[in-house]
Amino acid sequence: MSNALLIVESPAKMKTISKLLGSGYTVRPTMGHIVDLSNGKGGGDIGIDIHNGFAPRYEAIADKKDIIKAIIDAARTADEIYVV
C-alpha cells in the first residue's frame, strides 16, 4: 500500500483531513509559514540576489526548525507528497 504525505497549514485542518483520508495518508501541519525572505544580516542584499536575476533568498524561520524536521522525516517514507 502506498503512503502519501499531505502538508497543510493548520493543526485543525490536519485533524479534519486525516479523518477523511484514512490510513494511506500522513498529514502534517506547517503551523503557518516555515520560510521567509532573508533579512540580509549576512551582509547580502535584503531578500533578493540582485546579481542573479533578482532571485529570492529564503531562510527557515528559526522557531519552525522542529516542524521542518518532522515534515522532512515524514517525507522520507512517503511515496507521494502533496502541499495543500
C-alpha atoms as a PDB file:
ATOM      1  CA  MET A   1       0.000   0.000   0.000  1.00  0.00           C
ATOM      2  CA  SER A   2       1.331   3.429  -0.903  1.00  0.00           C
ATOM      3  CA  ASN A   3       1.900   6.105   1.703  1.00  0.00           C
ATOM      4  CA  ALA A   4       1.207   9.725   0.762  1.00  0.00           C
ATOM      5  CA  LEU A   5       2.204  12.784   2.765  1.00  0.00           C
ATOM      6  CA  LEU A   6      -0.162  15.739   2.769  1.00  0.00           C
ATOM      7  CA  ILE A   7       1.226  19.037   4.094  1.00  0.00           C
ATOM      8  CA  VAL A   8      -1.349  21.539   5.371  1.00  0.00           C
ATOM      9  CA  GLU A   9      -1.122  24.840   7.220  1.00  0.00           C
ATOM     10  CA  SER A  10      -3.028  24.301  10.459  1.00  0.00           C
ATOM     11  CA  PRO A  11      -3.431  21.529  13.043  1.00  0.00           C
ATOM     12  CA  ALA A  12      -7.224  21.871  12.793  1.00  0.00           C
ATOM     13  CA  LYS A  13      -7.085  21.149   9.058  1.00  0.00           C
ATOM     14  CA  MET A  14      -4.744  18.249   9.785  1.00  0.00           C
ATOM     15  CA  LYS A  15      -7.240  16.607  12.136  1.00  0.00           C
ATOM     16  CA  THR A  16     -10.203  17.057   9.801  1.00  0.00           C
ATOM     17  CA  ILE A  17      -8.375  15.905   6.672  1.00  0.00           C
ATOM     18  CA  SER A  18      -6.795  12.937   8.493  1.00  0.00           C
ATOM     19  CA  LYS A  19     -10.268  11.662   9.384  1.00  0.00           C
ATOM     20  CA  LEU A  20     -11.438  11.972   5.779  1.00  0.00           C
ATOM     21  CA  LEU A  21      -8.430  10.398   4.049  1.00  0.00           C
ATOM     22  CA  GLY A  22      -7.766   7.336   6.165  1.00  0.00           C
ATOM     23  CA  SER A  23      -4.675   5.249   6.776  1.00  0.00           C
ATOM     24  CA  GLY A  24      -2.953   5.626   3.387  1.00  0.00           C
ATOM     25  CA  TYR A  25      -2.117   9.239   4.139  1.00  0.00           C
ATOM     26  CA  THR A  26       0.070  11.018   6.658  1.00  0.00           C
ATOM     27  CA  VAL A  27      -0.970  14.629   7.276  1.00  0.00           C
ATOM     28  CA  ARG A  28       1.471  17.145   8.805  1.00  0.00           C
ATOM     29  CA  PRO A  29       0.822  20.834   9.614  1.00  0.00           C
ATOM     30  CA  THR A  30       3.312  23.658   8.998  1.00  0.00           C
ATOM     31  CA  MET A  31       1.688  25.846  11.678  1.00  0.00           C
ATOM     32  CA  GLY A  32       1.899  28.861   9.355  1.00  0.00           C
ATOM     33  CA  HIS A  33       4.857  29.990   7.271  1.00  0.00           C
ATOM     34  CA  ILE A  34       8.054  27.961   7.675  1.00  0.00           C
ATOM     35  CA  VAL A  35      10.364  30.043   5.455  1.00  0.00           C
ATOM     36  CA  ASP A  36      10.721  33.773   4.862  1.00  0.00           C
ATOM     37  CA  LEU A  37      12.826  36.065   2.738  1.00  0.00           C
ATOM     38  CA  SER A  38      16.307  36.607   4.152  1.00  0.00           C
ATOM     39  CA  ASN A  39      16.744  39.761   6.186  1.00  0.00           C
ATOM     40  CA  GLY A  40      20.218  40.469   4.791  1.00  0.00           C
ATOM     41  CA  LYS A  41      22.099  40.220   8.116  1.00  0.00           C
ATOM     42  CA  GLY A  42      24.905  38.328   6.374  1.00  0.00           C
ATOM     43  CA  GLY A  43      25.928  41.458   4.501  1.00  0.00           C
ATOM     44  CA  GLY A  44      23.963  40.474   1.400  1.00  0.00           C
ATOM     45  CA  ASP A  45      21.003  42.003  -0.309  1.00  0.00           C
ATOM     46  CA  ILE A  46      17.750  42.016   1.622  1.00  0.00           C
ATOM     47  CA  GLY A  47      15.656  39.068   0.477  1.00  0.00           C
ATOM     48  CA  ILE A  48      16.854  39.001  -3.125  1.00  0.00           C
ATOM     49  CA  ASP A  49      20.017  38.310  -5.086  1.00  0.00           C
ATOM     50  CA  ILE A  50      20.364  41.284  -7.430  1.00  0.00           C
ATOM     51  CA  HIS A  51      23.338  39.659  -9.175  1.00  0.00           C
ATOM     52  CA  ASN A  52      21.378  36.525 -10.083  1.00  0.00           C
ATOM     53  CA  GLY A  53      18.249  37.769 -11.848  1.00  0.00           C
ATOM     54  CA  PHE A  54      16.680  39.070  -8.617  1.00  0.00           C
ATOM     55  CA  ALA A  55      16.245  35.517  -7.336  1.00  0.00           C
ATOM     56  CA  PRO A  56      14.622  35.375  -3.892  1.00  0.00           C
ATOM     57  CA  ARG A  57      16.703  34.224  -0.916  1.00  0.00           C
ATOM     58  CA  TYR A  58      14.709  32.183   1.545  1.00  0.00           C
ATOM     59  CA  GLU A  59      15.692  31.050   5.025  1.00  0.00           C
ATOM     60  CA  ALA A  60      13.933  28.843   7.537  1.00  0.00           C
ATOM     61  CA  ILE A  61      12.147  30.641  10.355  1.00  0.00           C
ATOM     62  CA  ALA A  62      14.165  29.850  13.479  1.00  0.00           C
ATOM     63  CA  ASP A  63      11.322  28.619  15.700  1.00  0.00           C
ATOM     64  CA  LYS A  64       9.973  26.353  12.921  1.00  0.00           C
ATOM     65  CA  LYS A  65      13.046  24.109  12.595  1.00  0.00           C
ATOM     66  CA  ASP A  66      11.445  21.258  14.582  1.00  0.00           C
ATOM     67  CA  ILE A  67       8.354  21.397  12.372  1.00  0.00           C
ATOM     68  CA  ILE A  68      10.509  21.375   9.234  1.00  0.00           C
ATOM     69  CA  LYS A  69      12.422  18.362  10.567  1.00  0.00           C
ATOM     70  CA  ALA A  70       9.170  16.475  11.264  1.00  0.00           C
ATOM     71  CA  ILE A  71       7.949  17.152   7.725  1.00  0.00           C
ATOM     72  CA  ILE A  72      11.266  16.054   6.211  1.00  0.00           C
ATOM     73  CA  ASP A  73      11.229  12.857   8.288  1.00  0.00           C
ATOM     74  CA  ALA A  74       7.682  12.089   7.116  1.00  0.00           C
ATOM     75  CA  ALA A  75       8.666  12.827   3.507  1.00  0.00           C
ATOM     76  CA  ARG A  76      11.461  10.238   3.620  1.00  0.00           C
ATOM     77  CA  THR A  77       8.964   7.392   3.851  1.00  0.00           C
ATOM     78  CA  ALA A  78       6.279   8.884   1.584  1.00  0.00           C
ATOM     79  CA  ASP A  79       5.662   7.660  -1.947  1.00  0.00           C
ATOM     80  CA  GLU A  80       3.843  10.869  -2.878  1.00  0.00           C
ATOM     81  CA  ILE A  81       3.868  14.366  -1.345  1.00  0.00           C
ATOM     82  CA  TYR A  82       1.061  16.913  -1.639  1.00  0.00           C
ATOM     83  CA  VAL A  83       1.205  20.520  -0.428  1.00  0.00           C
ATOM     84  CA  VAL A  84      -2.254  21.975   0.126  1.00  0.00           C
END
